Amino acid sequence: MGRSTEWIPALWSDVFNDLLYEDNQLDYEDQWTLTFSYSQTDTVTKEERKRGWKVYAHCARGKFQCASCRKTWRSARVVVLFRYRLQRGRGTVIMRPFGQACRRCQDVFELGGFSENEVEHALLRVFAKIRKNCYGEDDDDDDVSSTESTVVRTRPHEESLCEACCMGICCQDDS
């Protein structure tokens, strides 16, 4: 599954539940759920802020395949956007993966596939943000930072082929 180019929401849900209930990443009595929205943005309105919504954009590593020409490519700059809040004992995390377009075809943004390790890394960062912003804990997870110390050689990031860049929320400046 680590080499898959296929977007698999169930992988994210399974790892989320494993981290939450088996590893006790949020060791509180609240119930948390993960859902997906393929249209959310990083904008949080004043009203949404009052209702407790926060946003976290994570830069992940993924692998893509063009549906038209079947070309595959890797990217170290795949934006995964998380919107979350805790309200009356119920926590909600809404996730949106952003796509990339094939350099050859440039016709549609494809959603990428992620390794289980990459999914776990992203979700650990989200849980660290939730502990800090919803429970007031210190963000002491520097060892799980969104930019790892190992350098991954990829081609230069092409903003015109990145769905998140086209919406003004890419993670290119995170490193």
C-alpha atoms as a PDB file:
ATOM      1  CA  MET A   1       0.000   0.000   0.000  1.00  0.00           C
ATOM      2  CA  GLY A   2       3.005   2.299   0.519  1.00  0.00           C
ATOM      3  CA  ARG A   3       3.584   2.742  -3.200  1.00  0.00           C
ATOM      4  CA  SER A   4      -0.049   3.311  -4.175  1.00  0.00           C
ATOM      5  CA  THR A   5      -1.034   6.250  -6.355  1.00  0.00           C
ATOM      6  CA  GLU A   6      -4.668   5.771  -5.375  1.00  0.00           C
ATOM      7  CA  TRP A   7      -6.471   8.143  -3.000  1.00  0.00           C
ATOM      8  CA  ILE A   8      -7.797   5.886  -0.203  1.00  0.00           C
ATOM      9  CA  PRO A   9      -9.995   7.696   2.363  1.00  0.00           C
ATOM     10  CA  ALA A  10     -10.395   4.475   4.394  1.00  0.00           C
ATOM     11  CA  LEU A  11      -6.630   4.439   5.059  1.00  0.00           C
ATOM     12  CA  TRP A  12      -6.891   7.885   6.666  1.00  0.00           C
ATOM     13  CA  SER A  13      -9.968   6.853   8.688  1.00  0.00           C
ATOM     14  CA  ASP A  14      -8.361   3.610   9.886  1.00  0.00           C
ATOM     15  CA  VAL A  15      -5.100   5.296  10.953  1.00  0.00           C
ATOM     16  CA  PHE A  16      -7.084   8.121  12.615  1.00  0.00           C
ATOM     17  CA  ASN A  17      -9.080   5.596  14.671  1.00  0.00           C
ATOM     18  CA  ASP A  18      -5.987   3.524  15.510  1.00  0.00           C
ATOM     19  CA  LEU A  19      -4.112   6.583  16.769  1.00  0.00           C
ATOM     20  CA  LEU A  20      -7.154   7.859  18.638  1.00  0.00           C
ATOM     21  CA  TYR A  21      -8.368   4.689  20.317  1.00  0.00           C
ATOM     22  CA  GLU A  22      -5.359   2.343  20.422  1.00  0.00           C
ATOM     23  CA  ASP A  23      -2.528   4.866  20.928  1.00  0.00           C
ATOM     24  CA  ASN A  24      -4.679   7.313  22.958  1.00  0.00           C
ATOM     25  CA  GLN A  25      -3.371  10.358  21.094  1.00  0.00           C
ATOM     26  CA  LEU A  26      -6.230  12.405  22.542  1.00  0.00           C
ATOM     27  CA  ASP A  27      -6.452  10.948  26.025  1.00  0.00           C
ATOM     28  CA  TYR A  28      -9.665  12.754  26.967  1.00  0.00           C
ATOM     29  CA  GLU A  29     -13.265  11.612  27.292  1.00  0.00           C
ATOM     30  CA  ASP A  30     -14.372  13.385  24.108  1.00  0.00           C
ATOM     31  CA  GLN A  31     -15.479  11.556  20.986  1.00  0.00           C
ATOM     32  CA  TRP A  32     -13.651  12.519  17.762  1.00  0.00           C
ATOM     33  CA  THR A  33     -14.603  11.788  14.151  1.00  0.00           C
ATOM     34  CA  LEU A  34     -12.845  12.263  10.810  1.00  0.00           C
ATOM     35  CA  THR A  35     -14.819  13.181   7.706  1.00  0.00           C
ATOM     36  CA  PHE A  36     -13.847  14.363   4.233  1.00  0.00           C
ATOM     37  CA  SER A  37     -14.806  17.472   2.277  1.00  0.00           C
ATOM     38  CA  TYR A  38     -13.442  17.982  -1.213  1.00  0.00           C
ATOM     39  CA  SER A  39     -14.510  21.633  -1.387  1.00  0.00           C
ATOM     40  CA  GLN A  40     -13.340  23.203   1.892  1.00  0.00           C
ATOM     41  CA  THR A  41     -10.814  26.033   1.882  1.00  0.00           C
ATOM     42  CA  ASP A  42      -8.449  27.415   4.505  1.00  0.00           C
ATOM     43  CA  THR A  43     -10.733  30.406   5.122  1.00  0.00           C
ATOM     44  CA  VAL A  44     -12.334  30.515   8.563  1.00  0.00           C
ATOM     45  CA  THR A  45     -15.036  33.156   8.865  1.00  0.00           C
ATOM     46  CA  LYS A  46     -15.503  35.228  12.012  1.00  0.00           C
ATOM     47  CA  GLU A  47     -18.669  33.241  12.750  1.00  0.00           C
ATOM     48  CA  GLU A  48     -16.848  29.905  12.296  1.00  0.00           C
ATOM     49  CA  ARG A  49     -14.070  31.122  14.598  1.00  0.00           C
ATOM     50  CA  LYS A  50     -16.686  31.930  17.256  1.00  0.00           C
ATOM     51  CA  ARG A  51     -17.953  28.354  16.907  1.00  0.00           C
ATOM     52  CA  GLY A  52     -14.414  27.076  17.559  1.00  0.00           C
ATOM     53  CA  TRP A  53     -13.201  26.060  14.100  1.00  0.00           C
ATOM     54  CA  LYS A  54      -9.452  25.995  13.464  1.00  0.00           C
ATOM     55  CA  VAL A  55      -7.502  25.118  10.309  1.00  0.00           C
ATOM     56  CA  TYR A  56      -4.206  23.331   9.798  1.00  0.00           C
ATOM     57  CA  ALA A  57      -2.544  22.821   6.389  1.00  0.00           C
ATOM     58  CA  HIS A  58      -0.073  19.937   6.317  1.00  0.00           C
ATOM     59  CA  CYS A  59       2.559  19.371   3.644  1.00  0.00           C
ATOM     60  CA  ALA A  60       2.823  15.643   2.881  1.00  0.00           C
ATOM     61  CA  ARG A  61       4.580  13.312   0.473  1.00  0.00           C
ATOM     62  CA  GLY A  62       2.396  11.558  -2.063  1.00  0.00           C
ATOM     63  CA  LYS A  63       2.381   9.709  -5.345  1.00  0.00           C
ATOM     64  CA  PHE A  64       0.112  10.505  -8.278  1.00  0.00           C
ATOM     65  CA  GLN A  65      -1.029   8.890 -11.505  1.00  0.00           C
ATOM     66  CA  CYS A  66      -2.600  10.718 -14.426  1.00  0.00           C
ATOM     67  CA  ALA A  67      -5.946   9.185 -15.398  1.00  0.00           C
ATOM     68  CA  SER A  68      -5.400  10.211 -19.032  1.00  0.00           C
ATOM     69  CA  CYS A  69      -1.834   9.153 -19.902  1.00  0.00           C
ATOM     70  CA  ARG A  70      -1.111   6.907 -16.848  1.00  0.00           C
ATOM     71  CA  LYS A  71       2.130   8.791 -16.062  1.00  0.00           C
ATOM     72  CA  THR A  72       3.114   8.608 -12.366  1.00  0.00           C
ATOM     73  CA  TRP A  73       5.043  11.105 -10.267  1.00  0.00           C
ATOM     74  CA  ARG A  74       5.983  11.738  -6.648  1.00  0.00           C
ATOM     75  CA  SER A  75       5.647  14.996  -4.788  1.00  0.00           C
ATOM     76  CA  ALA A  76       6.997  16.143  -1.442  1.00  0.00           C
ATOM     77  CA  ARG A  77       4.559  19.074  -1.429  1.00  0.00           C
ATOM     78  CA  VAL A  78       1.041  17.657  -1.282  1.00  0.00           C
ATOM     79  CA  VAL A  79      -1.273  19.837   0.774  1.00  0.00           C
ATOM     80  CA  VAL A  80      -3.725  18.133   3.103  1.00  0.00           C
ATOM     81  CA  LEU A  81      -6.048  20.615   4.803  1.00  0.00           C
ATOM     82  CA  PHE A  82      -7.635  19.871   8.180  1.00  0.00           C
ATOM     83  CA  ARG A  83     -10.466  21.844   9.775  1.00  0.00           C
ATOM     84  CA  TYR A  84     -11.233  20.888  13.366  1.00  0.00           C
ATOM     85  CA  ARG A  85     -13.131  21.857  16.492  1.00  0.00           C
ATOM     86  CA  LEU A  86     -14.260  20.497  19.848  1.00  0.00           C
ATOM     87  CA  GLN A  87     -17.772  21.344  20.966  1.00  0.00           C
ATOM     88  CA  ARG A  88     -19.717  19.848  23.890  1.00  0.00           C
ATOM     89  CA  GLY A  89     -17.611  16.704  24.121  1.00  0.00           C
ATOM     90  CA  ARG A  90     -17.657  16.027  20.385  1.00  0.00           C
ATOM     91  CA  GLY A  91     -14.625  16.644  18.227  1.00  0.00           C
ATOM     92  CA  THR A  92     -14.797  16.949  14.470  1.00  0.00           C
ATOM     93  CA  VAL A  93     -11.932  16.822  11.994  1.00  0.00           C
ATOM     94  CA  ILE A  94     -12.756  17.555   8.358  1.00  0.00           C
ATOM     95  CA  MET A  95     -10.016  16.749   5.872  1.00  0.00           C
ATOM     96  CA  ARG A  96      -9.413  17.774   2.298  1.00  0.00           C
ATOM     97  CA  PRO A  97      -6.598  16.431   0.145  1.00  0.00           C
ATOM     98  CA  PHE A  98      -5.466  18.687  -2.689  1.00  0.00           C
ATOM     99  CA  GLY A  99      -4.522  17.351  -6.091  1.00  0.00           C
ATOM    100  CA  GLN A 100      -1.866  17.940  -8.684  1.00  0.00           C
ATOM    101  CA  ALA A 101      -2.095  17.966 -12.465  1.00  0.00           C
ATOM    102  CA  CYS A 102       0.025  15.937 -14.836  1.00  0.00           C
ATOM    103  CA  ARG A 103       2.795  17.970 -16.457  1.00  0.00           C
ATOM    104  CA  ARG A 104       2.025  16.302 -19.809  1.00  0.00           C
ATOM    105  CA  CYS A 105      -1.796  16.520 -19.863  1.00  0.00           C
ATOM    106  CA  GLN A 106      -2.526  19.430 -17.485  1.00  0.00           C
ATOM    107  CA  ASP A 107      -6.245  18.712 -17.730  1.00  0.00           C
ATOM    108  CA  VAL A 108      -7.396  17.733 -14.231  1.00  0.00           C
ATOM    109  CA  PHE A 109      -6.135  17.736 -10.636  1.00  0.00           C
ATOM    110  CA  GLU A 110      -5.543  14.132  -9.559  1.00  0.00           C
ATOM    111  CA  LEU A 111      -5.691  13.117  -5.888  1.00  0.00           C
ATOM    112  CA  GLY A 112      -2.584  11.326  -4.708  1.00  0.00           C
ATOM    113  CA  GLY A 113      -1.881   8.192  -2.749  1.00  0.00           C
ATOM    114  CA  PHE A 114      -0.046   8.210   0.583  1.00  0.00           C
ATOM    115  CA  SER A 115       1.931   5.612   2.497  1.00  0.00           C
ATOM    116  CA  GLU A 116       0.618   4.544   5.895  1.00  0.00           C
ATOM    117  CA  ASN A 117       3.667   6.185   7.521  1.00  0.00           C
ATOM    118  CA  GLU A 118       2.892   9.484   5.777  1.00  0.00           C
ATOM    119  CA  VAL A 119      -0.757   9.321   6.876  1.00  0.00           C
ATOM    120  CA  GLU A 120       0.311   8.629  10.459  1.00  0.00           C
ATOM    121  CA  HIS A 121       2.795  11.523  10.384  1.00  0.00           C
ATOM    122  CA  ALA A 122       0.119  13.952   9.136  1.00  0.00           C
ATOM    123  CA  LEU A 123      -2.449  12.806  11.694  1.00  0.00           C
ATOM    124  CA  LEU A 124       0.045  13.009  14.569  1.00  0.00           C
ATOM    125  CA  ARG A 125       0.576  16.663  13.639  1.00  0.00           C
ATOM    126  CA  VAL A 126      -3.191  17.241  13.619  1.00  0.00           C
ATOM    127  CA  PHE A 127      -3.520  15.603  17.040  1.00  0.00           C
ATOM    128  CA  ALA A 128      -0.702  17.844  18.346  1.00  0.00           C
ATOM    129  CA  LYS A 129      -2.609  20.907  17.054  1.00  0.00           C
ATOM    130  CA  ILE A 130      -5.829  19.639  18.647  1.00  0.00           C
ATOM    131  CA  ARG A 131      -4.117  19.041  22.006  1.00  0.00           C
ATOM    132  CA  LYS A 132      -2.691  22.570  21.882  1.00  0.00           C
ATOM    133  CA  ASN A 133      -5.731  24.460  20.552  1.00  0.00           C
ATOM    134  CA  CYS A 134      -8.617  22.471  22.066  1.00  0.00           C
ATOM    135  CA  TYR A 135      -7.118  21.256  25.343  1.00  0.00           C
ATOM    136  CA  GLY A 136      -4.480  23.920  26.073  1.00  0.00           C
ATOM    137  CA  GLU A 137      -1.515  21.545  26.074  1.00  0.00           C
ATOM    138  CA  ASP A 138       1.944  22.726  25.083  1.00  0.00           C
ATOM    139  CA  ASP A 139       2.915  21.890  21.510  1.00  0.00           C
ATOM    140  CA  ASP A 140       5.881  19.747  22.545  1.00  0.00           C
ATOM    141  CA  ASP A 141       5.790  17.564  19.441  1.00  0.00           C
ATOM    142  CA  ASP A 142       8.738  19.223  17.736  1.00  0.00           C
ATOM    143  CA  ASP A 143       9.978  15.738  16.861  1.00  0.00           C
ATOM    144  CA  VAL A 144       6.897  15.342  14.650  1.00  0.00           C
ATOM    145  CA  SER A 145       7.294  18.632  12.793  1.00  0.00           C
ATOM    146  CA  SER A 146       5.709  18.983   9.367  1.00  0.00           C
ATOM    147  CA  THR A 147       9.102  19.323   7.696  1.00  0.00           C
ATOM    148  CA  GLU A 148      11.373  16.400   8.395  1.00  0.00           C
ATOM    149  CA  SER A 149      15.148  16.578   8.482  1.00  0.00           C
ATOM    150  CA  THR A 150      15.601  14.139   5.605  1.00  0.00           C
ATOM    151  CA  VAL A 151      15.771  15.896   2.259  1.00  0.00           C
ATOM    152  CA  VAL A 152      13.678  14.387  -0.508  1.00  0.00           C
ATOM    153  CA  ARG A 153      14.867  15.254  -3.978  1.00  0.00           C
ATOM    154  CA  THR A 154      11.969  16.110  -6.251  1.00  0.00           C
ATOM    155  CA  ARG A 155      11.624  18.351  -9.242  1.00  0.00           C
ATOM    156  CA  PRO A 156      10.935  22.023  -8.550  1.00  0.00           C
ATOM    157  CA  HIS A 157       7.393  22.664  -7.365  1.00  0.00           C
ATOM    158  CA  GLU A 158       5.218  23.849 -10.248  1.00  0.00           C
ATOM    159  CA  GLU A 159       2.537  26.126  -8.867  1.00  0.00           C
ATOM    160  CA  SER A 160       0.362  25.930 -11.983  1.00  0.00           C
ATOM    161  CA  LEU A 161       0.060  22.148 -11.542  1.00  0.00           C
ATOM    162  CA  CYS A 162      -0.755  22.348  -7.809  1.00  0.00           C
ATOM    163  CA  GLU A 163      -4.419  22.712  -6.835  1.00  0.00           C
ATOM    164  CA  ALA A 164      -3.521  24.223  -3.445  1.00  0.00           C
ATOM    165  CA  CYS A 165      -1.188  26.799  -5.028  1.00  0.00           C
ATOM    166  CA  CYS A 166      -3.940  27.770  -7.452  1.00  0.00           C
ATOM    167  CA  MET A 167      -6.116  28.460  -4.382  1.00  0.00           C
ATOM    168  CA  GLY A 168      -3.318  30.336  -2.602  1.00  0.00           C
ATOM    169  CA  ILE A 169      -2.724  27.798   0.194  1.00  0.00           C
ATOM    170  CA  CYS A 170       0.299  25.766  -0.833  1.00  0.00           C
ATOM    171  CA  CYS A 171       2.954  24.706   1.674  1.00  0.00           C
ATOM    172  CA  GLN A 172       5.957  25.562  -0.511  1.00  0.00           C
ATOM    173  CA  ASP A 173       7.337  28.071   2.001  1.00  0.00           C
ATOM    174  CA  ASP A 174       7.180  25.647   4.971  1.00  0.00           C
ATOM    175  CA  SER A 175      10.738  24.326   4.597  1.00  0.00           C
END
